[in-house]
Amino acid sequence: MSTPAVELVALTKSFGDVTAVDGVDLTIRDGEFFSMLGPSGSGKTTVLRMIAGFEQPTSGTVRLAGQDVTGRPPFARDVNTVFQDYALFPHMDVLANVEYGLRVKKVPRAERRERAMAALESVQLAGYAGRRPTQLSGGQRQRVALARALVNRPRVLLLDEPLGALDLKLRRAMQLELKDIQRDVGITFVFVTHDQEEALTMSDRIAVFRDGRIEQVAAPADLYESPASPFVAGFVGTSNLLEGEAARSLVGRAGTFSIRPEKIHLGDEVHDGDATAPGVVHDVVYLGSVNHYLVRLDAGPTLTVLRQNLRGTTDEAMALRGQRVTVGWAPEHVIELGADQQLQKEES
């Protein structure tokens, strides 16, 4: 087995009385696209900054390729960071921006020109070397920042919400491009985001952060299909939670359970063998290709049901408001969840 690209051992960071990162243990494999996902203030960016060396941990260890780098400054670590604002020099053309790090390292001119052009080619910007950053689109500037980081041939590339400033359409296009680039160059990417769609689209594995701790580490499909806690179920996609008396009534036993909206059948789509429950359509939310139906069950909870707009009209969908319906789901699509780690922490 190859040496992990990044290992974090009992990593903790406190700012006064506030513990931003609370004893994080994490192993990131060499060559994988790894995402750290969580809401604002969950600790993911602080962890990234400690890997980069911009923040020193209060306690714990950072290892890169098996070497303890906890006390090393950023320039002595085999990593590069791409930030959300790109930080390009407006007075330099694209080629000079990409070459800058090599020039600081006193790499000979011919070699740095060759390496910079190769980096621009890897992000499909070979024909833009002579342009200034102001002459580029947001997506192109993002790729220049990526080329500038890749040209140094780091073992690990750290990306701190680099797509956050882009519009939705461009952000989705860049998600696919980033993954393609990562496959081509073979470098370990560690990507920080609060956007679960970004993480699910690009990642080999994802760590979900909450209040300075990791709730779950898993591949995207495993994270979505088998969330470890109610927090993960609710943060990664939309989830319907059943607990207390509703769980006993609908599932048949005590506990906390999750059913994804797309796994629930509505009305004439209910299958033989489904568990069923009657209720009333409280509201219909039109989302273009799909509708979300909010069904208030007689048993108490309101479930979100996702239905693709494959047949029927929007008017027909909206006409279901206030109507009594039956919903159903296959028993195997009910996921039993463990207790939230935060609740465990507060109770201990």
Protein backbone atom coordinates (compact mmCIF):
# COMPACT_ATOMS: atom_id res chain seq x y z
CA MET A 1 0.00 0.00 0.00
CA SER A 2 1.37 3.45 -0.96
CA THR A 3 2.17 6.08 1.65
CA PRO A 4 -0.82 8.39 2.25
CA ALA A 5 -0.54 11.85 0.75
CA VAL A 6 -1.89 13.48 3.93
CA GLU A 7 -2.28 12.16 7.48
CA LEU A 8 -3.82 14.18 10.29
CA VAL A 9 -3.50 12.81 13.82
CA ALA A 10 -5.55 14.25 16.71
CA LEU A 11 -5.42 17.65 14.99
CA THR A 12 -6.80 20.45 17.17
CA LYS A 13 -6.97 24.21 16.72
CA SER A 14 -8.29 26.66 19.28
CA PHE A 15 -8.75 30.41 18.96
CA GLY A 16 -9.02 31.61 22.54
CA ASP A 17 -11.98 29.81 24.10
CA VAL A 18 -13.27 28.61 20.71
CA THR A 19 -12.21 25.18 19.47
CA ALA A 20 -12.40 25.37 15.67
CA VAL A 21 -10.98 21.89 15.05
CA ASP A 22 -11.48 19.22 17.67
CA GLY A 23 -9.20 16.17 17.50
CA VAL A 24 -9.47 15.36 13.79
CA ASP A 25 -7.96 12.10 12.52
CA LEU A 26 -7.89 11.78 8.74
CA THR A 27 -5.97 9.86 6.05
CA ILE A 28 -6.03 11.05 2.43
CA ARG A 29 -4.75 8.58 -0.14
CA ASP A 30 -2.12 9.42 -2.70
CA GLY A 31 -3.67 10.51 -6.00
CA GLU A 32 -7.29 10.84 -4.85
CA PHE A 33 -9.70 13.74 -5.19
CA PHE A 34 -10.72 14.29 -1.59
CA SER A 35 -13.32 16.83 -0.46
CA MET A 36 -13.91 18.36 2.96
CA LEU A 37 -17.59 19.30 3.10
CA GLY A 38 -19.48 21.17 5.77
CA PRO A 39 -21.37 24.34 6.68
CA SER A 40 -19.64 27.63 7.49
CA GLY A 41 -17.77 27.39 10.78
CA SER A 42 -17.48 23.61 10.71
CA GLY A 43 -13.67 23.65 10.71
CA LYS A 44 -12.94 22.46 7.17
CA THR A 45 -11.07 25.59 6.01
CA THR A 46 -9.04 25.70 9.24
CA VAL A 47 -7.97 22.09 8.59
CA LEU A 48 -6.93 23.03 5.04
CA ARG A 49 -4.91 25.98 6.34
CA MET A 50 -3.12 23.71 8.83
CA ILE A 51 -2.23 21.29 6.02
CA ALA A 52 -0.87 24.24 4.03
CA GLY A 53 1.04 25.63 7.02
CA PHE A 54 -0.85 28.93 7.18
CA GLU A 55 -2.14 27.99 10.65
CA GLN A 56 -0.24 26.12 13.35
CA PRO A 57 -2.26 23.47 15.23
CA THR A 58 -2.79 23.86 18.96
CA SER A 59 -1.99 20.14 19.17
CA GLY A 60 -1.77 17.16 16.87
CA THR A 61 0.29 16.20 13.83
CA VAL A 62 0.28 16.91 10.09
CA ARG A 63 2.13 14.42 7.90
CA LEU A 64 2.71 14.79 4.15
CA ALA A 65 3.92 11.67 2.32
CA GLY A 66 4.81 10.14 5.69
CA GLN A 67 6.89 13.11 6.91
CA ASP A 68 5.92 15.18 9.94
CA VAL A 69 5.59 18.75 8.63
CA THR A 70 3.67 20.18 11.60
CA GLY A 71 6.32 22.78 12.39
CA ARG A 72 7.36 23.60 8.83
CA PRO A 73 6.42 26.92 7.16
CA PRO A 74 4.25 26.86 4.02
CA PHE A 75 7.16 27.23 1.58
CA ALA A 76 8.83 24.12 3.02
CA ARG A 77 5.81 21.88 2.33
CA ASP A 78 5.21 20.07 -0.94
CA VAL A 79 1.77 21.64 -1.41
CA ASN A 80 0.20 24.53 -3.27
CA THR A 81 -3.09 26.31 -2.59
CA VAL A 82 -5.71 27.72 -4.96
CA PHE A 83 -7.97 30.32 -3.34
CA GLN A 84 -11.46 31.53 -4.20
CA ASP A 85 -10.23 34.97 -5.30
CA TYR A 86 -7.48 33.47 -7.55
CA ALA A 87 -4.97 36.21 -6.47
CA LEU A 88 -3.64 36.77 -10.01
CA PHE A 89 -1.33 39.72 -10.71
CA PRO A 90 -3.36 42.09 -12.95
CA HIS A 91 -0.25 43.80 -14.41
CA MET A 92 1.21 40.48 -15.65
CA ASP A 93 0.03 38.43 -18.59
CA VAL A 94 -1.16 34.86 -18.12
CA LEU A 95 2.23 33.30 -18.87
CA ALA A 96 4.03 35.57 -16.39
CA ASN A 97 1.44 34.75 -13.72
CA VAL A 98 1.98 31.03 -14.19
CA GLU A 99 5.78 31.41 -14.27
CA TYR A 100 5.91 33.57 -11.14
CA GLY A 101 6.51 30.82 -8.59
CA LEU A 102 9.23 29.26 -10.71
CA ARG A 103 10.91 32.65 -11.10
CA VAL A 104 10.94 33.10 -7.30
CA LYS A 105 12.61 29.68 -7.05
CA LYS A 106 15.18 30.88 -9.64
CA VAL A 107 14.31 28.17 -12.16
CA PRO A 108 16.15 28.94 -15.44
CA ARG A 109 14.10 30.90 -17.94
CA ALA A 110 13.92 28.23 -20.64
CA GLU A 111 12.78 25.57 -18.17
CA ARG A 112 10.18 27.76 -16.50
CA ARG A 113 8.78 28.81 -19.90
CA GLU A 114 8.49 25.16 -20.94
CA ARG A 115 6.86 24.13 -17.65
CA ALA A 116 4.47 27.11 -17.68
CA MET A 117 3.31 26.38 -21.22
CA ALA A 118 2.79 22.71 -20.32
CA ALA A 119 0.72 23.76 -17.29
CA LEU A 120 -1.41 26.09 -19.44
CA GLU A 121 -1.92 23.30 -21.95
CA SER A 122 -3.08 20.98 -19.14
CA VAL A 123 -5.90 23.44 -18.33
CA GLN A 124 -6.68 24.13 -22.01
CA LEU A 125 -5.37 27.70 -22.02
CA ALA A 126 -2.27 27.35 -24.23
CA GLY A 127 -3.56 30.06 -26.59
CA TYR A 128 -4.10 32.62 -23.81
CA ALA A 129 -0.50 33.09 -22.62
CA GLY A 130 -0.28 36.73 -23.73
CA ARG A 131 -3.58 37.93 -22.27
CA ARG A 132 -4.04 39.86 -19.04
CA PRO A 133 -6.33 38.50 -16.28
CA THR A 134 -8.84 41.30 -16.97
CA GLN A 135 -9.30 39.93 -20.49
CA LEU A 136 -10.40 36.51 -19.20
CA SER A 137 -13.69 35.11 -18.02
CA GLY A 138 -14.14 33.91 -14.44
CA GLY A 139 -13.66 30.29 -15.45
CA GLN A 140 -10.49 31.12 -17.40
CA ARG A 141 -9.02 33.03 -14.45
CA GLN A 142 -9.79 30.06 -12.25
CA ARG A 143 -7.87 27.79 -14.63
CA VAL A 144 -4.92 30.20 -14.71
CA ALA A 145 -4.75 30.03 -10.91
CA LEU A 146 -4.86 26.25 -11.19
CA ALA A 147 -2.04 26.21 -13.76
CA ARG A 148 0.07 28.49 -11.54
CA ALA A 149 -0.30 25.97 -8.70
CA LEU A 150 0.28 22.91 -10.90
CA VAL A 151 3.45 24.31 -12.49
CA ASN A 152 5.28 23.83 -9.18
CA ARG A 153 4.47 20.09 -9.37
CA PRO A 154 3.24 19.82 -5.78
CA ARG A 155 2.48 16.45 -4.26
CA VAL A 156 -0.79 17.84 -2.90
CA LEU A 157 -2.97 20.62 -4.32
CA LEU A 158 -5.24 22.37 -1.81
CA LEU A 159 -8.34 24.12 -3.16
CA ASP A 160 -10.22 26.50 -0.86
CA GLU A 161 -13.71 26.93 -2.37
CA PRO A 162 -12.17 27.90 -5.75
CA LEU A 163 -15.51 27.84 -7.60
CA GLY A 164 -17.41 29.99 -5.12
CA ALA A 165 -17.21 33.19 -7.20
CA LEU A 166 -18.56 31.60 -10.41
CA ASP A 167 -22.16 31.57 -11.60
CA LEU A 168 -24.09 28.30 -11.37
CA LYS A 169 -23.72 27.19 -15.01
CA LEU A 170 -19.98 27.88 -15.10
CA ARG A 171 -19.47 26.32 -11.68
CA ARG A 172 -21.04 23.07 -12.87
CA ALA A 173 -18.89 23.06 -16.01
CA MET A 174 -15.75 23.69 -13.95
CA GLN A 175 -16.60 20.82 -11.59
CA LEU A 176 -16.23 18.38 -14.48
CA GLU A 177 -13.12 20.13 -15.80
CA LEU A 178 -11.42 20.04 -12.39
CA LYS A 179 -12.02 16.31 -12.08
CA ASP A 180 -10.66 15.72 -15.60
CA ILE A 181 -7.56 17.79 -14.82
CA GLN A 182 -7.00 15.88 -11.58
CA ARG A 183 -7.18 12.56 -13.42
CA ASP A 184 -4.73 13.80 -16.07
CA VAL A 185 -2.07 15.18 -13.71
CA GLY A 186 -2.46 12.47 -11.05
CA ILE A 187 -1.88 14.87 -8.14
CA THR A 188 -3.77 14.56 -4.85
CA PHE A 189 -6.48 17.24 -4.71
CA VAL A 190 -7.91 18.31 -1.34
CA PHE A 191 -11.00 20.40 -2.01
CA VAL A 192 -12.92 22.46 0.56
CA THR A 193 -16.56 23.31 -0.12
CA HIS A 194 -19.91 23.89 1.56
CA ASP A 195 -21.72 22.81 -1.62
CA GLN A 196 -22.75 19.15 -1.43
CA GLU A 197 -23.35 18.96 -5.22
CA GLU A 198 -19.72 19.96 -5.86
CA ALA A 199 -18.45 17.35 -3.44
CA LEU A 200 -20.66 14.58 -4.82
CA THR A 201 -19.78 15.43 -8.44
CA MET A 202 -16.00 15.47 -8.16
CA SER A 203 -14.80 13.47 -5.18
CA ASP A 204 -13.40 9.99 -4.73
CA ARG A 205 -14.16 10.37 -1.02
CA ILE A 206 -15.73 13.05 1.17
CA ALA A 207 -15.30 14.01 4.83
CA VAL A 208 -18.37 15.72 6.29
CA PHE A 209 -17.44 18.25 8.99
CA ARG A 210 -19.60 19.56 11.82
CA ASP A 211 -18.53 21.75 14.75
CA GLY A 212 -14.83 20.98 14.28
CA ARG A 213 -15.26 17.22 14.02
CA ILE A 214 -15.70 14.73 11.20
CA GLU A 215 -19.14 13.12 11.12
CA GLN A 216 -18.42 10.63 8.33
CA VAL A 217 -15.82 9.81 5.64
CA ALA A 218 -17.09 7.85 2.64
CA ALA A 219 -17.34 7.66 -1.14
CA PRO A 220 -20.10 9.91 -2.56
CA ALA A 221 -22.58 7.09 -3.21
CA ASP A 222 -22.01 5.55 0.22
CA LEU A 223 -22.37 8.95 1.88
CA TYR A 224 -25.67 9.59 0.14
CA GLU A 225 -27.13 6.10 0.36
CA SER A 226 -25.86 5.21 3.86
CA PRO A 227 -25.48 8.39 5.95
CA ALA A 228 -24.09 7.71 9.42
CA SER A 229 -26.17 10.31 11.27
CA PRO A 230 -29.22 12.58 10.92
CA PHE A 231 -26.86 15.52 10.32
CA VAL A 232 -25.17 13.82 7.35
CA ALA A 233 -28.53 12.67 5.96
CA GLY A 234 -29.86 16.23 6.09
CA PHE A 235 -26.71 18.02 4.89
CA VAL A 236 -25.86 15.75 1.96
CA GLY A 237 -28.97 16.07 -0.17
CA THR A 238 -32.56 16.26 1.05
CA SER A 239 -33.74 13.65 3.52
CA ASN A 240 -36.97 12.80 5.30
CA LEU A 241 -36.36 11.90 8.95
CA LEU A 242 -38.70 9.61 10.86
CA GLU A 243 -38.30 9.31 14.62
CA GLY A 244 -40.29 8.88 17.81
CA GLU A 245 -43.92 7.84 17.43
CA ALA A 246 -43.84 8.46 13.68
CA ALA A 247 -41.02 5.92 13.31
CA ARG A 248 -42.92 3.35 15.34
CA SER A 249 -46.04 3.90 13.26
CA LEU A 250 -44.43 4.02 9.81
CA VAL A 251 -41.39 1.76 10.18
CA GLY A 252 -42.65 -0.50 12.92
CA ARG A 253 -39.91 0.06 15.48
CA ALA A 254 -38.21 2.76 17.51
CA GLY A 255 -35.18 4.64 16.20
CA THR A 256 -34.25 7.39 13.74
CA PHE A 257 -34.71 6.62 10.05
CA SER A 258 -34.19 8.40 6.72
CA ILE A 259 -35.97 8.10 3.38
CA ARG A 260 -34.70 10.05 0.38
CA PRO A 261 -37.41 12.01 -1.51
CA GLU A 262 -36.74 10.25 -4.82
CA LYS A 263 -37.32 6.86 -3.17
CA ILE A 264 -40.92 7.71 -2.22
CA HIS A 265 -43.75 6.89 -4.62
CA LEU A 266 -46.85 9.06 -4.90
CA GLY A 267 -50.41 8.09 -5.74
CA ASP A 268 -50.64 5.81 -8.77
CA GLU A 269 -46.87 5.18 -8.65
CA VAL A 270 -47.10 3.21 -5.39
CA HIS A 271 -45.88 -0.35 -5.99
CA ASP A 272 -47.09 -3.68 -4.68
CA GLY A 273 -45.00 -4.53 -1.65
CA ASP A 274 -44.42 -0.88 -0.70
CA ALA A 275 -44.94 0.30 2.84
CA THR A 276 -47.72 2.87 2.53
CA ALA A 277 -49.11 5.83 4.43
CA PRO A 278 -52.04 8.19 3.74
CA GLY A 279 -51.76 11.96 3.87
CA VAL A 280 -52.59 15.30 2.27
CA VAL A 281 -50.52 17.23 -0.28
CA HIS A 282 -49.72 20.40 1.66
CA ASP A 283 -47.77 22.13 -1.13
CA VAL A 284 -46.13 21.59 -4.53
CA VAL A 285 -42.80 23.22 -5.38
CA TYR A 286 -42.07 23.49 -9.12
CA LEU A 287 -38.36 23.09 -9.93
CA GLY A 288 -38.39 22.75 -13.72
CA SER A 289 -37.40 19.15 -14.42
CA VAL A 290 -38.82 17.94 -11.09
CA ASN A 291 -41.52 18.82 -8.57
CA HIS A 292 -41.27 18.51 -4.81
CA TYR A 293 -44.53 17.46 -3.17
CA LEU A 294 -44.84 18.18 0.55
CA VAL A 295 -47.15 15.50 1.91
CA ARG A 296 -48.42 15.87 5.47
CA LEU A 297 -49.01 12.32 6.68
CA ASP A 298 -51.86 11.34 8.97
CA ALA A 299 -49.15 9.82 11.18
CA GLY A 300 -47.70 13.29 11.81
CA PRO A 301 -44.59 14.15 9.81
CA THR A 302 -44.44 15.96 6.47
CA LEU A 303 -42.47 14.13 3.78
CA THR A 304 -40.85 15.66 0.72
CA VAL A 305 -41.54 13.54 -2.37
CA LEU A 306 -39.56 14.15 -5.57
CA ARG A 307 -41.27 13.39 -8.85
CA GLN A 308 -39.74 13.96 -12.28
CA ASN A 309 -41.83 15.88 -14.80
CA LEU A 310 -41.92 13.02 -17.29
CA ARG A 311 -45.66 13.15 -17.90
CA GLY A 312 -48.57 15.39 -17.11
CA THR A 313 -48.60 19.18 -16.93
CA THR A 314 -47.58 21.68 -14.30
CA ASP A 315 -51.24 22.56 -13.80
CA GLU A 316 -52.03 18.92 -13.07
CA ALA A 317 -49.19 18.80 -10.53
CA MET A 318 -50.36 21.98 -8.81
CA ALA A 319 -53.93 20.65 -8.71
CA LEU A 320 -52.79 18.02 -6.20
CA ARG A 321 -52.53 20.71 -3.48
CA GLY A 322 -54.98 19.85 -0.73
CA GLN A 323 -55.73 16.42 -2.17
CA ARG A 324 -55.60 13.21 -0.15
CA VAL A 325 -52.97 10.81 -1.48
CA THR A 326 -51.16 7.64 -0.54
CA VAL A 327 -47.37 7.55 -0.50
CA GLY A 328 -45.26 4.42 -0.49
CA TRP A 329 -41.67 3.23 -0.34
CA ALA A 330 -39.76 -0.01 -0.56
CA PRO A 331 -38.78 -1.14 2.96
CA GLU A 332 -35.14 -1.56 1.87
CA HIS A 333 -34.96 2.17 1.08
CA VAL A 334 -35.47 3.08 4.74
CA ILE A 335 -32.05 3.87 6.26
CA GLU A 336 -31.56 3.48 10.00
CA LEU A 337 -29.35 6.26 11.35
CA GLY A 338 -27.05 6.39 14.32
CA ALA A 339 -27.29 9.23 16.83
CA ASP A 340 -25.72 12.55 15.89
CA GLN A 341 -22.17 12.82 17.20
CA GLN A 342 -22.96 16.31 18.45
CA LEU A 343 -25.78 14.91 20.60
CA GLN A 344 -23.43 12.24 21.90
CA LYS A 345 -20.87 14.93 22.72
CA GLU A 346 -23.42 17.05 24.61
CA GLU A 347 -24.74 14.06 26.56
CA SER A 348 -21.28 12.78 27.56
